[in-house]
Amino acid sequence: MPHGEPGASDEAYRQWLRSQSEAEAAHDSLFVSDTERDEVCRRLASAFSEGRITSTELDQRTSQALTARTRGDLDAVMQGLTVPVAFTPPVQPALLGHAPAAAPARSGVNPRMVFWVVCFFMAPSLLTGLSSQGPTGLVPVVVIGPILYLVYRRLYPRS
């Protein structure tokens, strides 16, 4: 086949172009959500803060974005600023009744274990402070006792 004559590859290319334009038309005709409009408005504000558009352009494009009904409308608003809007849906919160996935266990010292070790070693001081006569014996009870109680409440909250 001489160069320049239409062939099977030309027909395949035309079909590919036709399918691409149909896909783009289908994409452009999809309706947009409020979240997608808000995302475009945030991008416009970012472009304004970077100095890529003027305040007049920001006002015009923001108005267009807020009234946009299709993805094609939003793509037209972003023309010349970035690649066409690629919307990423927000992460949905956990359904009612389902707890979120547990966080991975922390490595290191267990605070509850530290609390009980401190209590074990402080118990003799607290007990002798209670049994001794005079003001010096009450110092461990008055100072350390409330601190241990507050730490206990922090580690073991009431439910």
Protein backbone atom coordinates (compact mmCIF):
# COMPACT_ATOMS: atom_id res chain seq x y z
CA MET A 1 0.00 0.00 0.00
CA PRO A 2 1.58 3.29 -1.04
CA HIS A 3 2.10 6.08 1.43
CA GLY A 4 -0.85 8.46 1.74
CA GLU A 5 -3.62 6.03 0.78
CA PRO A 6 -6.23 5.29 3.47
CA GLY A 7 -5.90 1.90 5.10
CA ALA A 8 -7.10 -0.21 8.00
CA SER A 9 -4.92 1.66 10.46
CA ASP A 10 -6.51 4.96 9.43
CA GLU A 11 -9.97 3.55 10.03
CA ALA A 12 -8.92 2.22 13.46
CA TYR A 13 -7.53 5.63 14.32
CA ARG A 14 -10.78 7.33 13.28
CA GLN A 15 -12.77 4.87 15.42
CA TRP A 16 -10.45 5.56 18.35
CA LEU A 17 -10.89 9.34 17.92
CA ARG A 18 -14.66 8.89 17.69
CA SER A 19 -14.74 6.78 20.89
CA GLN A 20 -12.54 9.34 22.67
CA SER A 21 -14.82 12.22 21.73
CA GLU A 22 -17.88 10.21 22.83
CA ALA A 23 -16.22 9.45 26.18
CA GLU A 24 -15.31 13.12 26.66
CA ALA A 25 -18.86 14.17 25.80
CA ALA A 26 -20.26 11.64 28.28
CA HIS A 27 -17.84 12.87 30.96
CA ASP A 28 -18.65 16.52 30.27
CA SER A 29 -22.39 15.87 30.53
CA LEU A 30 -22.22 14.37 34.05
CA PHE A 31 -23.90 16.52 36.68
CA VAL A 32 -21.70 17.88 39.47
CA SER A 33 -22.30 18.05 43.20
CA ASP A 34 -21.95 20.93 45.63
CA THR A 35 -18.74 19.35 46.90
CA GLU A 36 -17.23 19.44 43.41
CA ARG A 37 -18.23 23.09 42.99
CA ASP A 38 -16.65 23.93 46.36
CA GLU A 39 -13.44 22.15 45.35
CA VAL A 40 -13.23 24.24 42.18
CA CYS A 41 -13.83 27.42 44.21
CA ARG A 42 -10.98 26.42 46.54
CA ARG A 43 -8.72 25.85 43.53
CA LEU A 44 -9.67 29.25 42.14
CA ALA A 45 -8.85 30.92 45.46
CA SER A 46 -5.51 29.13 45.45
CA ALA A 47 -4.79 30.30 41.91
CA PHE A 48 -5.65 33.85 42.96
CA SER A 49 -3.35 33.66 45.98
CA GLU A 50 -0.57 32.42 43.69
CA GLY A 51 -1.16 35.38 41.37
CA ARG A 52 -2.28 33.33 38.37
CA ILE A 53 -5.65 35.11 38.05
CA THR A 54 -6.85 38.60 38.94
CA SER A 55 -9.58 39.43 41.41
CA THR A 56 -11.98 40.16 38.55
CA GLU A 57 -11.26 36.75 37.02
CA LEU A 58 -11.69 35.17 40.45
CA ASP A 59 -15.15 36.75 40.80
CA GLN A 60 -16.21 35.73 37.30
CA ARG A 61 -14.90 32.17 37.53
CA THR A 62 -16.29 31.66 41.03
CA SER A 63 -19.73 32.76 39.83
CA GLN A 64 -19.47 30.36 36.91
CA ALA A 65 -18.34 27.53 39.19
CA LEU A 66 -21.21 28.06 41.61
CA THR A 67 -23.75 27.93 38.78
CA ALA A 68 -22.10 25.04 36.92
CA ARG A 69 -24.32 22.02 36.35
CA THR A 70 -21.98 19.63 34.52
CA ARG A 71 -18.34 18.59 34.63
CA GLY A 72 -17.84 20.30 31.29
CA ASP A 73 -18.95 23.58 32.87
CA LEU A 74 -16.42 23.14 35.68
CA ASP A 75 -13.67 22.21 33.22
CA ALA A 76 -14.40 25.44 31.35
CA VAL A 77 -14.07 27.43 34.60
CA MET A 78 -10.64 25.92 35.23
CA GLN A 79 -9.50 26.45 31.61
CA GLY A 80 -5.89 27.60 31.53
CA LEU A 81 -5.24 27.02 35.23
CA THR A 82 -4.79 23.30 35.69
CA VAL A 83 -5.66 20.00 34.16
CA PRO A 84 -9.41 19.36 34.06
CA VAL A 85 -11.08 18.90 37.42
CA ALA A 86 -10.51 15.43 38.77
CA PHE A 87 -12.89 15.17 41.66
CA THR A 88 -12.02 12.87 44.55
CA PRO A 89 -15.01 12.10 46.73
CA PRO A 90 -14.66 12.81 50.45
CA VAL A 91 -14.09 9.94 52.83
CA GLN A 92 -17.42 8.78 54.19
CA PRO A 93 -17.72 8.58 57.98
CA ALA A 94 -18.26 5.17 59.53
CA LEU A 95 -21.81 3.94 59.38
CA LEU A 96 -23.85 4.19 62.56
CA GLY A 97 -23.23 1.27 64.86
CA HIS A 98 -19.83 0.47 63.42
CA ALA A 99 -16.71 1.53 65.24
CA PRO A 100 -13.81 2.85 63.19
CA ALA A 101 -10.82 0.62 62.74
CA ALA A 102 -8.68 0.40 65.84
CA ALA A 103 -5.48 2.37 65.85
CA PRO A 104 -2.30 0.33 65.82
CA ALA A 105 -0.94 -0.47 69.23
CA ARG A 106 1.58 2.01 70.54
CA SER A 107 4.98 0.69 71.33
CA GLY A 108 6.72 1.82 74.45
CA VAL A 109 5.86 2.05 78.10
CA ASN A 110 2.31 1.31 79.20
CA PRO A 111 1.12 4.31 81.30
CA ARG A 112 -1.12 2.12 83.47
CA MET A 113 1.78 -0.14 84.34
CA VAL A 114 3.88 2.88 85.31
CA PHE A 115 1.03 4.13 87.50
CA TRP A 116 0.79 0.87 89.45
CA VAL A 117 4.57 0.59 89.88
CA VAL A 118 4.66 4.14 91.28
CA CYS A 119 1.76 3.32 93.59
CA PHE A 120 3.54 0.19 94.79
CA PHE A 121 6.65 2.15 95.74
CA MET A 122 4.75 5.14 97.16
CA ALA A 123 2.37 3.08 99.33
CA PRO A 124 4.82 2.79 102.27
CA SER A 125 5.39 6.56 102.30
CA LEU A 126 1.67 7.25 102.22
CA LEU A 127 0.93 4.73 104.97
CA THR A 128 3.70 5.96 107.26
CA GLY A 129 2.60 9.54 106.61
CA LEU A 130 -0.90 8.68 107.78
CA SER A 131 0.35 6.94 110.92
CA SER A 132 3.00 9.50 111.94
CA GLN A 133 2.30 12.43 114.16
CA GLY A 134 3.15 15.97 113.09
CA PRO A 135 3.07 18.07 109.94
CA THR A 136 5.99 16.39 108.14
CA GLY A 137 4.18 13.08 108.02
CA LEU A 138 1.24 14.58 106.13
CA VAL A 139 3.33 15.95 103.24
CA PRO A 140 3.31 12.66 101.27
CA VAL A 141 -0.41 12.22 101.87
CA VAL A 142 -1.34 15.81 100.93
CA VAL A 143 0.97 16.09 97.90
CA ILE A 144 1.39 12.63 96.40
CA GLY A 145 -2.09 11.27 97.21
CA PRO A 146 -4.08 13.75 95.08
CA ILE A 147 -1.57 13.51 92.24
CA LEU A 148 -1.91 9.74 92.15
CA TYR A 149 -5.69 10.05 92.27
CA LEU A 150 -5.71 12.47 89.30
CA VAL A 151 -3.40 10.20 87.32
CA TYR A 152 -5.65 7.24 88.15
CA ARG A 153 -8.74 9.14 86.90
CA ARG A 154 -6.89 10.07 83.72
CA LEU A 155 -5.87 6.47 83.03
CA TYR A 156 -9.18 4.93 84.09
CA PRO A 157 -11.94 7.38 83.11
CA ARG A 158 -15.49 6.73 84.25
CA SER A 159 -17.68 5.55 81.43
